[in-house]
Amino acid sequence: QRITWREIIELGRNCIHEYPFETI
């Protein structure tokens, strides 16, 4: 189950765009 930083960054960016923070 190893994961690269690239995968984390790409998945994280997509999730943040779908579930954004209230104050940006």
mmCIF file of all heavy atoms, coordinates in Angstrom:
data_MODEL
# 
_entry.id   MODEL 
# 
loop_
_atom_site.group_PDB 
_atom_site.id 
_atom_site.type_symbol 
_atom_site.label_atom_id 
_atom_site.label_alt_id 
_atom_site.label_comp_id 
_atom_site.label_asym_id 
_atom_site.label_entity_id 
_atom_site.label_seq_id 
_atom_site.pdbx_PDB_ins_code 
_atom_site.Cartn_x 
_atom_site.Cartn_y 
_atom_site.Cartn_z 
_atom_site.occupancy 
_atom_site.B_iso_or_equiv 
_atom_site.pdbx_formal_charge 
_atom_site.auth_seq_id 
_atom_site.auth_comp_id 
_atom_site.auth_asym_id 
_atom_site.auth_atom_id 
_atom_site.pdbx_PDB_model_num 
ATOM 1   N N   . GLN A 1 1  ? 0.802   -1.225 0.000   1.00 0.00 ? 1  GLN A N   1 
ATOM 2   C CA  . GLN A 1 1  ? 0.000   0.000  0.000   1.00 0.00 ? 1  GLN A CA  1 
ATOM 3   C C   . GLN A 1 1  ? 0.834   1.274  0.000   1.00 0.00 ? 1  GLN A C   1 
ATOM 4   O O   . GLN A 1 1  ? 0.397   2.304  0.485   1.00 0.00 ? 1  GLN A O   1 
ATOM 5   C CB  . GLN A 1 1  ? -0.933  -0.011 1.215   1.00 0.00 ? 1  GLN A CB  1 
ATOM 6   C CG  . GLN A 1 1  ? -1.958  -1.125 1.153   1.00 0.00 ? 1  GLN A CG  1 
ATOM 7   C CD  . GLN A 1 1  ? -2.968  -1.037 2.269   1.00 0.00 ? 1  GLN A CD  1 
ATOM 8   O OE1 . GLN A 1 1  ? -2.778  -0.319 3.231   1.00 0.00 ? 1  GLN A OE1 1 
ATOM 9   N NE2 . GLN A 1 1  ? -4.047  -1.765 2.145   1.00 0.00 ? 1  GLN A NE2 1 
ATOM 10  N N   . ARG A 1 2  ? 2.021   1.243  -0.555  1.00 0.00 ? 2  ARG A N   1 
ATOM 11  C CA  . ARG A 1 2  ? 2.828   2.456  -0.621  1.00 0.00 ? 2  ARG A CA  1 
ATOM 12  C C   . ARG A 1 2  ? 2.217   3.443  -1.615  1.00 0.00 ? 2  ARG A C   1 
ATOM 13  O O   . ARG A 1 2  ? 1.587   3.054  -2.592  1.00 0.00 ? 2  ARG A O   1 
ATOM 14  C CB  . ARG A 1 2  ? 4.261   2.131  -1.021  1.00 0.00 ? 2  ARG A CB  1 
ATOM 15  C CG  . ARG A 1 2  ? 4.968   1.197  -0.057  1.00 0.00 ? 2  ARG A CG  1 
ATOM 16  C CD  . ARG A 1 2  ? 6.432   1.075  -0.373  1.00 0.00 ? 2  ARG A CD  1 
ATOM 17  N NE  . ARG A 1 2  ? 7.160   2.224  0.146   1.00 0.00 ? 2  ARG A NE  1 
ATOM 18  C CZ  . ARG A 1 2  ? 8.446   2.435  -0.100  1.00 0.00 ? 2  ARG A CZ  1 
ATOM 19  N NH1 . ARG A 1 2  ? 9.125   1.614  -0.871  1.00 0.00 ? 2  ARG A NH1 1 
ATOM 20  N NH2 . ARG A 1 2  ? 9.061   3.503  0.401   1.00 0.00 ? 2  ARG A NH2 1 
ATOM 21  N N   . ILE A 1 3  ? 2.413   4.705  -1.338  1.00 0.00 ? 3  ILE A N   1 
ATOM 22  C CA  . ILE A 1 3  ? 1.850   5.758  -2.177  1.00 0.00 ? 3  ILE A CA  1 
ATOM 23  C C   . ILE A 1 3  ? 2.910   6.843  -2.361  1.00 0.00 ? 3  ILE A C   1 
ATOM 24  O O   . ILE A 1 3  ? 3.681   7.139  -1.441  1.00 0.00 ? 3  ILE A O   1 
ATOM 25  C CB  . ILE A 1 3  ? 0.560   6.340  -1.540  1.00 0.00 ? 3  ILE A CB  1 
ATOM 26  C CG1 . ILE A 1 3  ? -0.103  7.365  -2.462  1.00 0.00 ? 3  ILE A CG1 1 
ATOM 27  C CG2 . ILE A 1 3  ? 0.851   6.954  -0.171  1.00 0.00 ? 3  ILE A CG2 1 
ATOM 28  C CD1 . ILE A 1 3  ? -1.482  7.789  -1.983  1.00 0.00 ? 3  ILE A CD1 1 
ATOM 29  N N   . THR A 1 4  ? 2.981   7.404  -3.552  1.00 0.00 ? 4  THR A N   1 
ATOM 30  C CA  . THR A 1 4  ? 3.969   8.446  -3.819  1.00 0.00 ? 4  THR A CA  1 
ATOM 31  C C   . THR A 1 4  ? 3.410   9.811  -3.431  1.00 0.00 ? 4  THR A C   1 
ATOM 32  O O   . THR A 1 4  ? 2.201   10.009 -3.324  1.00 0.00 ? 4  THR A O   1 
ATOM 33  C CB  . THR A 1 4  ? 4.374   8.462  -5.301  1.00 0.00 ? 4  THR A CB  1 
ATOM 34  O OG1 . THR A 1 4  ? 3.218   8.809  -6.088  1.00 0.00 ? 4  THR A OG1 1 
ATOM 35  C CG2 . THR A 1 4  ? 4.908   7.108  -5.748  1.00 0.00 ? 4  THR A CG2 1 
ATOM 36  N N   . TRP A 1 5  ? 4.326   10.768 -3.278  1.00 0.00 ? 5  TRP A N   1 
ATOM 37  C CA  . TRP A 1 5  ? 3.900   12.139 -2.999  1.00 0.00 ? 5  TRP A CA  1 
ATOM 38  C C   . TRP A 1 5  ? 3.075   12.687 -4.163  1.00 0.00 ? 5  TRP A C   1 
ATOM 39  O O   . TRP A 1 5  ? 2.140   13.469 -3.963  1.00 0.00 ? 5  TRP A O   1 
ATOM 40  C CB  . TRP A 1 5  ? 5.113   13.034 -2.752  1.00 0.00 ? 5  TRP A CB  1 
ATOM 41  C CG  . TRP A 1 5  ? 5.763   12.830 -1.425  1.00 0.00 ? 5  TRP A CG  1 
ATOM 42  C CD1 . TRP A 1 5  ? 6.981   12.271 -1.171  1.00 0.00 ? 5  TRP A CD1 1 
ATOM 43  C CD2 . TRP A 1 5  ? 5.213   13.174 -0.139  1.00 0.00 ? 5  TRP A CD2 1 
ATOM 44  N NE1 . TRP A 1 5  ? 7.227   12.251 0.187   1.00 0.00 ? 5  TRP A NE1 1 
ATOM 45  C CE2 . TRP A 1 5  ? 6.169   12.804 0.829   1.00 0.00 ? 5  TRP A CE2 1 
ATOM 46  C CE3 . TRP A 1 5  ? 4.018   13.761 0.272   1.00 0.00 ? 5  TRP A CE3 1 
ATOM 47  C CZ2 . TRP A 1 5  ? 5.959   13.006 2.206   1.00 0.00 ? 5  TRP A CZ2 1 
ATOM 48  C CZ3 . TRP A 1 5  ? 3.806   13.971 1.636   1.00 0.00 ? 5  TRP A CZ3 1 
ATOM 49  C CH2 . TRP A 1 5  ? 4.764   13.591 2.577   1.00 0.00 ? 5  TRP A CH2 1 
ATOM 50  N N   . ARG A 1 6  ? 3.411   12.285 -5.392  1.00 0.00 ? 6  ARG A N   1 
ATOM 51  C CA  . ARG A 1 6  ? 2.646   12.762 -6.557  1.00 0.00 ? 6  ARG A CA  1 
ATOM 52  C C   . ARG A 1 6  ? 1.192   12.335 -6.457  1.00 0.00 ? 6  ARG A C   1 
ATOM 53  O O   . ARG A 1 6  ? 0.278   13.138 -6.699  1.00 0.00 ? 6  ARG A O   1 
ATOM 54  C CB  . ARG A 1 6  ? 3.270   12.203 -7.841  1.00 0.00 ? 6  ARG A CB  1 
ATOM 55  C CG  . ARG A 1 6  ? 2.521   12.618 -9.118  1.00 0.00 ? 6  ARG A CG  1 
ATOM 56  C CD  . ARG A 1 6  ? 3.235   12.085 -10.344 1.00 0.00 ? 6  ARG A CD  1 
ATOM 57  N NE  . ARG A 1 6  ? 4.586   12.630 -10.428 1.00 0.00 ? 6  ARG A NE  1 
ATOM 58  C CZ  . ARG A 1 6  ? 5.514   12.165 -11.257 1.00 0.00 ? 6  ARG A CZ  1 
ATOM 59  N NH1 . ARG A 1 6  ? 5.257   11.160 -12.065 1.00 0.00 ? 6  ARG A NH1 1 
ATOM 60  N NH2 . ARG A 1 6  ? 6.721   12.713 -11.264 1.00 0.00 ? 6  ARG A NH2 1 
ATOM 61  N N   . GLU A 1 7  ? 0.972   11.085 -6.071  1.00 0.00 ? 7  GLU A N   1 
ATOM 62  C CA  . GLU A 1 7  ? -0.407  10.602 -5.926  1.00 0.00 ? 7  GLU A CA  1 
ATOM 63  C C   . GLU A 1 7  ? -1.141  11.372 -4.835  1.00 0.00 ? 7  GLU A C   1 
ATOM 64  O O   . GLU A 1 7  ? -2.311  11.738 -5.002  1.00 0.00 ? 7  GLU A O   1 
ATOM 65  C CB  . GLU A 1 7  ? -0.396  9.101  -5.616  1.00 0.00 ? 7  GLU A CB  1 
ATOM 66  C CG  . GLU A 1 7  ? 0.097   8.231  -6.753  1.00 0.00 ? 7  GLU A CG  1 
ATOM 67  C CD  . GLU A 1 7  ? 0.238   6.784  -6.334  1.00 0.00 ? 7  GLU A CD  1 
ATOM 68  O OE1 . GLU A 1 7  ? 1.119   6.489  -5.495  1.00 0.00 ? 7  GLU A OE1 1 
ATOM 69  O OE2 . GLU A 1 7  ? -0.508  5.940  -6.843  1.00 0.00 ? 7  GLU A OE2 1 
ATOM 70  N N   . ILE A 1 8  ? -0.456  11.597 -3.723  1.00 0.00 ? 8  ILE A N   1 
ATOM 71  C CA  . ILE A 1 8  ? -1.089  12.337 -2.630  1.00 0.00 ? 8  ILE A CA  1 
ATOM 72  C C   . ILE A 1 8  ? -1.446  13.752 -3.069  1.00 0.00 ? 8  ILE A C   1 
ATOM 73  O O   . ILE A 1 8  ? -2.549  14.252 -2.800  1.00 0.00 ? 8  ILE A O   1 
ATOM 74  C CB  . ILE A 1 8  ? -0.159  12.370 -1.397  1.00 0.00 ? 8  ILE A CB  1 
ATOM 75  C CG1 . ILE A 1 8  ? -0.093  10.995 -0.752  1.00 0.00 ? 8  ILE A CG1 1 
ATOM 76  C CG2 . ILE A 1 8  ? -0.628  13.411 -0.384  1.00 0.00 ? 8  ILE A CG2 1 
ATOM 77  C CD1 . ILE A 1 8  ? 0.798   10.927 0.469   1.00 0.00 ? 8  ILE A CD1 1 
ATOM 78  N N   . ILE A 1 9  ? -0.505  14.415 -3.763  1.00 0.00 ? 9  ILE A N   1 
ATOM 79  C CA  . ILE A 1 9  ? -0.731  15.807 -4.184  1.00 0.00 ? 9  ILE A CA  1 
ATOM 80  C C   . ILE A 1 9  ? -1.882  15.886 -5.177  1.00 0.00 ? 9  ILE A C   1 
ATOM 81  O O   . ILE A 1 9  ? -2.774  16.749 -5.065  1.00 0.00 ? 9  ILE A O   1 
ATOM 82  C CB  . ILE A 1 9  ? 0.558   16.402 -4.776  1.00 0.00 ? 9  ILE A CB  1 
ATOM 83  C CG1 . ILE A 1 9  ? 1.609   16.586 -3.674  1.00 0.00 ? 9  ILE A CG1 1 
ATOM 84  C CG2 . ILE A 1 9  ? 0.289   17.737 -5.467  1.00 0.00 ? 9  ILE A CG2 1 
ATOM 85  C CD1 . ILE A 1 9  ? 3.002   16.906 -4.176  1.00 0.00 ? 9  ILE A CD1 1 
ATOM 86  N N   . GLU A 1 10 ? -1.895  14.996 -6.163  1.00 0.00 ? 10 GLU A N   1 
ATOM 87  C CA  . GLU A 1 10 ? -2.952  15.033 -7.179  1.00 0.00 ? 10 GLU A CA  1 
ATOM 88  C C   . GLU A 1 10 ? -4.318  14.694 -6.580  1.00 0.00 ? 10 GLU A C   1 
ATOM 89  O O   . GLU A 1 10 ? -5.314  15.377 -6.847  1.00 0.00 ? 10 GLU A O   1 
ATOM 90  C CB  . GLU A 1 10 ? -2.607  14.072 -8.310  1.00 0.00 ? 10 GLU A CB  1 
ATOM 91  C CG  . GLU A 1 10 ? -1.432  14.535 -9.169  1.00 0.00 ? 10 GLU A CG  1 
ATOM 92  C CD  . GLU A 1 10 ? -1.061  13.536 -10.245 1.00 0.00 ? 10 GLU A CD  1 
ATOM 93  O OE1 . GLU A 1 10 ? -1.655  12.429 -10.259 1.00 0.00 ? 10 GLU A OE1 1 
ATOM 94  O OE2 . GLU A 1 10 ? -0.167  13.846 -11.060 1.00 0.00 ? 10 GLU A OE2 1 
ATOM 95  N N   . LEU A 1 11 ? -4.363  13.642 -5.764  1.00 0.00 ? 11 LEU A N   1 
ATOM 96  C CA  . LEU A 1 11 ? -5.630  13.274 -5.133  1.00 0.00 ? 11 LEU A CA  1 
ATOM 97  C C   . LEU A 1 11 ? -6.084  14.362 -4.160  1.00 0.00 ? 11 LEU A C   1 
ATOM 98  O O   . LEU A 1 11 ? -7.278  14.689 -4.090  1.00 0.00 ? 11 LEU A O   1 
ATOM 99  C CB  . LEU A 1 11 ? -5.482  11.939 -4.397  1.00 0.00 ? 11 LEU A CB  1 
ATOM 100 C CG  . LEU A 1 11 ? -5.275  10.698 -5.264  1.00 0.00 ? 11 LEU A CG  1 
ATOM 101 C CD1 . LEU A 1 11 ? -4.947  9.481  -4.397  1.00 0.00 ? 11 LEU A CD1 1 
ATOM 102 C CD2 . LEU A 1 11 ? -6.512  10.410 -6.108  1.00 0.00 ? 11 LEU A CD2 1 
ATOM 103 N N   . GLY A 1 12 ? -5.120  14.932 -3.419  1.00 0.00 ? 12 GLY A N   1 
ATOM 104 C CA  . GLY A 1 12 ? -5.460  15.988 -2.476  1.00 0.00 ? 12 GLY A CA  1 
ATOM 105 C C   . GLY A 1 12 ? -6.000  17.225 -3.161  1.00 0.00 ? 12 GLY A C   1 
ATOM 106 O O   . GLY A 1 12 ? -6.972  17.832 -2.712  1.00 0.00 ? 12 GLY A O   1 
ATOM 107 N N   . ARG A 1 13 ? -5.393  17.607 -4.306  1.00 0.00 ? 13 ARG A N   1 
ATOM 108 C CA  . ARG A 1 13 ? -5.861  18.777 -5.038  1.00 0.00 ? 13 ARG A CA  1 
ATOM 109 C C   . ARG A 1 13 ? -7.300  18.568 -5.534  1.00 0.00 ? 13 ARG A C   1 
ATOM 110 O O   . ARG A 1 13 ? -8.157  19.458 -5.406  1.00 0.00 ? 13 ARG A O   1 
ATOM 111 C CB  . ARG A 1 13 ? -4.937  19.056 -6.223  1.00 0.00 ? 13 ARG A CB  1 
ATOM 112 C CG  . ARG A 1 13 ? -5.345  20.307 -7.018  1.00 0.00 ? 13 ARG A CG  1 
ATOM 113 C CD  . ARG A 1 13 ? -4.489  20.487 -8.256  1.00 0.00 ? 13 ARG A CD  1 
ATOM 114 N NE  . ARG A 1 13 ? -3.104  20.812 -7.919  1.00 0.00 ? 13 ARG A NE  1 
ATOM 115 C CZ  . ARG A 1 13 ? -2.065  20.044 -8.177  1.00 0.00 ? 13 ARG A CZ  1 
ATOM 116 N NH1 . ARG A 1 13 ? -2.235  18.875 -8.778  1.00 0.00 ? 13 ARG A NH1 1 
ATOM 117 N NH2 . ARG A 1 13 ? -0.842  20.416 -7.843  1.00 0.00 ? 13 ARG A NH2 1 
ATOM 118 N N   . ASN A 1 14 ? -7.569  17.387 -6.073  1.00 0.00 ? 14 ASN A N   1 
ATOM 119 C CA  . ASN A 1 14 ? -8.923  17.099 -6.558  1.00 0.00 ? 14 ASN A CA  1 
ATOM 120 C C   . ASN A 1 14 ? -9.940  17.142 -5.425  1.00 0.00 ? 14 ASN A C   1 
ATOM 121 O O   . ASN A 1 14 ? -11.046 17.665 -5.583  1.00 0.00 ? 14 ASN A O   1 
ATOM 122 C CB  . ASN A 1 14 ? -8.955  15.731 -7.245  1.00 0.00 ? 14 ASN A CB  1 
ATOM 123 C CG  . ASN A 1 14 ? -8.136  15.702 -8.527  1.00 0.00 ? 14 ASN A CG  1 
ATOM 124 O OD1 . ASN A 1 14 ? -7.891  16.735 -9.139  1.00 0.00 ? 14 ASN A OD1 1 
ATOM 125 N ND2 . ASN A 1 14 ? -7.701  14.525 -8.940  1.00 0.00 ? 14 ASN A ND2 1 
ATOM 126 N N   . CYS A 1 15 ? -9.556  16.589 -4.269  1.00 0.00 ? 15 CYS A N   1 
ATOM 127 C CA  . CYS A 1 15 ? -10.483 16.568 -3.135  1.00 0.00 ? 15 CYS A CA  1 
ATOM 128 C C   . CYS A 1 15 ? -10.729 17.967 -2.585  1.00 0.00 ? 15 CYS A C   1 
ATOM 129 O O   . CYS A 1 15 ? -11.858 18.310 -2.207  1.00 0.00 ? 15 CYS A O   1 
ATOM 130 C CB  . CYS A 1 15 ? -9.915  15.681 -2.023  1.00 0.00 ? 15 CYS A CB  1 
ATOM 131 S SG  . CYS A 1 15 ? -10.330 13.950 -2.206  1.00 0.00 ? 15 CYS A SG  1 
ATOM 132 N N   . ILE A 1 16 ? -9.674  18.779 -2.520  1.00 0.00 ? 16 ILE A N   1 
ATOM 133 C CA  . ILE A 1 16 ? -9.835  20.151 -2.023  1.00 0.00 ? 16 ILE A CA  1 
ATOM 134 C C   . ILE A 1 16 ? -10.741 20.955 -2.943  1.00 0.00 ? 16 ILE A C   1 
ATOM 135 O O   . ILE A 1 16 ? -11.526 21.793 -2.485  1.00 0.00 ? 16 ILE A O   1 
ATOM 136 C CB  . ILE A 1 16 ? -8.451  20.822 -1.875  1.00 0.00 ? 16 ILE A CB  1 
ATOM 137 C CG1 . ILE A 1 16 ? -7.717  20.233 -0.672  1.00 0.00 ? 16 ILE A CG1 1 
ATOM 138 C CG2 . ILE A 1 16 ? -8.582  22.328 -1.720  1.00 0.00 ? 16 ILE A CG2 1 
ATOM 139 C CD1 . ILE A 1 16 ? -6.289  20.686 -0.535  1.00 0.00 ? 16 ILE A CD1 1 
ATOM 140 N N   . HIS A 1 17 ? -10.653 20.711 -4.250  1.00 0.00 ? 17 HIS A N   1 
ATOM 141 C CA  . HIS A 1 17 ? -11.534 21.418 -5.179  1.00 0.00 ? 17 HIS A CA  1 
ATOM 142 C C   . HIS A 1 17 ? -12.979 20.940 -5.052  1.00 0.00 ? 17 HIS A C   1 
ATOM 143 O O   . HIS A 1 17 ? -13.916 21.711 -5.298  1.00 0.00 ? 17 HIS A O   1 
ATOM 144 C CB  . HIS A 1 17 ? -11.040 21.222 -6.617  1.00 0.00 ? 17 HIS A CB  1 
ATOM 145 C CG  . HIS A 1 17 ? -9.768  21.954 -6.902  1.00 0.00 ? 17 HIS A CG  1 
ATOM 146 N ND1 . HIS A 1 17 ? -9.001  21.740 -8.025  1.00 0.00 ? 17 HIS A ND1 1 
ATOM 147 C CD2 . HIS A 1 17 ? -9.107  22.912 -6.187  1.00 0.00 ? 17 HIS A CD2 1 
ATOM 148 C CE1 . HIS A 1 17 ? -7.939  22.531 -7.992  1.00 0.00 ? 17 HIS A CE1 1 
ATOM 149 N NE2 . HIS A 1 17 ? -7.987  23.255 -6.890  1.00 0.00 ? 17 HIS A NE2 1 
ATOM 150 N N   . GLU A 1 18 ? -13.158 19.677 -4.674  1.00 0.00 ? 18 GLU A N   1 
ATOM 151 C CA  . GLU A 1 18 ? -14.516 19.154 -4.497  1.00 0.00 ? 18 GLU A CA  1 
ATOM 152 C C   . GLU A 1 18 ? -15.082 19.483 -3.125  1.00 0.00 ? 18 GLU A C   1 
ATOM 153 O O   . GLU A 1 18 ? -16.280 19.728 -2.970  1.00 0.00 ? 18 GLU A O   1 
ATOM 154 C CB  . GLU A 1 18 ? -14.515 17.635 -4.696  1.00 0.00 ? 18 GLU A CB  1 
ATOM 155 C CG  . GLU A 1 18 ? -15.909 17.026 -4.674  1.00 0.00 ? 18 GLU A CG  1 
ATOM 156 C CD  . GLU A 1 18 ? -15.899 15.530 -4.975  1.00 0.00 ? 18 GLU A CD  1 
ATOM 157 O OE1 . GLU A 1 18 ? -14.804 14.988 -5.274  1.00 0.00 ? 18 GLU A OE1 1 
ATOM 158 O OE2 . GLU A 1 18 ? -16.974 14.919 -4.913  1.00 0.00 ? 18 GLU A OE2 1 
ATOM 159 N N   . TYR A 1 19 ? -14.209 19.497 -2.111  1.00 0.00 ? 19 TYR A N   1 
ATOM 160 C CA  . TYR A 1 19 ? -14.636 19.788 -0.739  1.00 0.00 ? 19 TYR A CA  1 
ATOM 161 C C   . TYR A 1 19 ? -13.778 20.937 -0.195  1.00 0.00 ? 19 TYR A C   1 
ATOM 162 O O   . TYR A 1 19 ? -12.914 20.735 0.667   1.00 0.00 ? 19 TYR A O   1 
ATOM 163 C CB  . TYR A 1 19 ? -14.487 18.549 0.144   1.00 0.00 ? 19 TYR A CB  1 
ATOM 164 C CG  . TYR A 1 19 ? -15.233 17.341 -0.376  1.00 0.00 ? 19 TYR A CG  1 
ATOM 165 C CD1 . TYR A 1 19 ? -14.567 16.348 -1.083  1.00 0.00 ? 19 TYR A CD1 1 
ATOM 166 C CD2 . TYR A 1 19 ? -16.603 17.213 -0.177  1.00 0.00 ? 19 TYR A CD2 1 
ATOM 167 C CE1 . TYR A 1 19 ? -15.241 15.242 -1.574  1.00 0.00 ? 19 TYR A CE1 1 
ATOM 168 C CE2 . TYR A 1 19 ? -17.297 16.118 -0.665  1.00 0.00 ? 19 TYR A CE2 1 
ATOM 169 C CZ  . TYR A 1 19 ? -16.607 15.135 -1.365  1.00 0.00 ? 19 TYR A CZ  1 
ATOM 170 O OH  . TYR A 1 19 ? -17.286 14.048 -1.851  1.00 0.00 ? 19 TYR A OH  1 
ATOM 171 N N   . PRO A 1 20 ? -13.995 22.139 -0.695  1.00 0.00 ? 20 PRO A N   1 
ATOM 172 C CA  . PRO A 1 20 ? -13.124 23.271 -0.332  1.00 0.00 ? 20 PRO A CA  1 
ATOM 173 C C   . PRO A 1 20 ? -13.298 23.700 1.115   1.00 0.00 ? 20 PRO A C   1 
ATOM 174 O O   . PRO A 1 20 ? -14.322 23.422 1.754   1.00 0.00 ? 20 PRO A O   1 
ATOM 175 C CB  . PRO A 1 20 ? -13.568 24.382 -1.288  1.00 0.00 ? 20 PRO A CB  1 
ATOM 176 C CG  . PRO A 1 20 ? -14.989 24.043 -1.601  1.00 0.00 ? 20 PRO A CG  1 
ATOM 177 C CD  . PRO A 1 20 ? -15.070 22.546 -1.622  1.00 0.00 ? 20 PRO A CD  1 
ATOM 178 N N   . PHE A 1 21 ? -12.284 24.398 1.597   1.00 0.00 ? 21 PHE A N   1 
ATOM 179 C CA  . PHE A 1 21 ? -12.370 24.965 2.938   1.00 0.00 ? 21 PHE A CA  1 
ATOM 180 C C   . PHE A 1 21 ? -13.272 26.191 2.913   1.00 0.00 ? 21 PHE A C   1 
ATOM 181 O O   . PHE A 1 21 ? -13.423 26.857 1.886   1.00 0.00 ? 21 PHE A O   1 
ATOM 182 C CB  . PHE A 1 21 ? -10.974 25.334 3.441   1.00 0.00 ? 21 PHE A CB  1 
ATOM 183 C CG  . PHE A 1 21 ? -10.135 24.149 3.784   1.00 0.00 ? 21 PHE A CG  1 
ATOM 184 C CD1 . PHE A 1 21 ? -9.284  23.581 2.841   1.00 0.00 ? 21 PHE A CD1 1 
ATOM 185 C CD2 . PHE A 1 21 ? -10.188 23.584 5.048   1.00 0.00 ? 21 PHE A CD2 1 
ATOM 186 C CE1 . PHE A 1 21 ? -8.506  22.476 3.149   1.00 0.00 ? 21 PHE A CE1 1 
ATOM 187 C CE2 . PHE A 1 21 ? -9.408  22.474 5.372   1.00 0.00 ? 21 PHE A CE2 1 
ATOM 188 C CZ  . PHE A 1 21 ? -8.577  21.926 4.413   1.00 0.00 ? 21 PHE A CZ  1 
ATOM 189 N N   . GLU A 1 22 ? -13.845 26.467 4.060   1.00 0.00 ? 22 GLU A N   1 
ATOM 190 C CA  . GLU A 1 22 ? -14.818 27.555 4.162   1.00 0.00 ? 22 GLU A CA  1 
ATOM 191 C C   . GLU A 1 22 ? -14.159 28.916 3.945   1.00 0.00 ? 22 GLU A C   1 
ATOM 192 O O   . GLU A 1 22 ? -14.687 29.771 3.247   1.00 0.00 ? 22 GLU A O   1 
ATOM 193 C CB  . GLU A 1 22 ? -15.471 27.487 5.549   1.00 0.00 ? 22 GLU A CB  1 
ATOM 194 C CG  . GLU A 1 22 ? -16.565 28.506 5.775   1.00 0.00 ? 22 GLU A CG  1 
ATOM 195 C CD  . GLU A 1 22 ? -17.207 28.335 7.136   1.00 0.00 ? 22 GLU A CD  1 
ATOM 196 O OE1 . GLU A 1 22 ? -17.205 27.208 7.667   1.00 0.00 ? 22 GLU A OE1 1 
ATOM 197 O OE2 . GLU A 1 22 ? -17.688 29.340 7.680   1.00 0.00 ? 22 GLU A OE2 1 
ATOM 198 N N   . THR A 1 23 ? -13.000 29.119 4.553   1.00 0.00 ? 23 THR A N   1 
ATOM 199 C CA  . THR A 1 23 ? -12.296 30.391 4.434   1.00 0.00 ? 23 THR A CA  1 
ATOM 200 C C   . THR A 1 23 ? -11.035 30.177 3.615   1.00 0.00 ? 23 THR A C   1 
ATOM 201 O O   . THR A 1 23 ? -10.113 29.490 4.058   1.00 0.00 ? 23 THR A O   1 
ATOM 202 C CB  . THR A 1 23 ? -11.909 30.940 5.824   1.00 0.00 ? 23 THR A CB  1 
ATOM 203 O OG1 . THR A 1 23 ? -13.086 31.036 6.631   1.00 0.00 ? 23 THR A OG1 1 
ATOM 204 C CG2 . THR A 1 23 ? -11.260 32.301 5.700   1.00 0.00 ? 23 THR A CG2 1 
ATOM 205 N N   . ILE A 1 24 ? -11.014 30.732 2.409   1.00 0.00 ? 24 ILE A N   1 
ATOM 206 C CA  . ILE A 1 24 ? -9.821  30.635 1.579   1.00 0.00 ? 24 ILE A CA  1 
ATOM 207 C C   . ILE A 1 24 ? -9.386  32.043 1.182   1.00 0.00 ? 24 ILE A C   1 
ATOM 208 O O   . ILE A 1 24 ? -10.216 32.931 0.978   1.00 0.00 ? 24 ILE A O   1 
ATOM 209 C CB  . ILE A 1 24 ? -10.050 29.760 0.321   1.00 0.00 ? 24 ILE A CB  1 
ATOM 210 C CG1 . ILE A 1 24 ? -11.184 30.313 -0.540  1.00 0.00 ? 24 ILE A CG1 1 
ATOM 211 C CG2 . ILE A 1 24 ? -10.315 28.327 0.709   1.00 0.00 ? 24 ILE A CG2 1 
ATOM 212 C CD1 . ILE A 1 24 ? -11.368 29.555 -1.849  1.00 0.00 ? 24 ILE A CD1 1 
# 
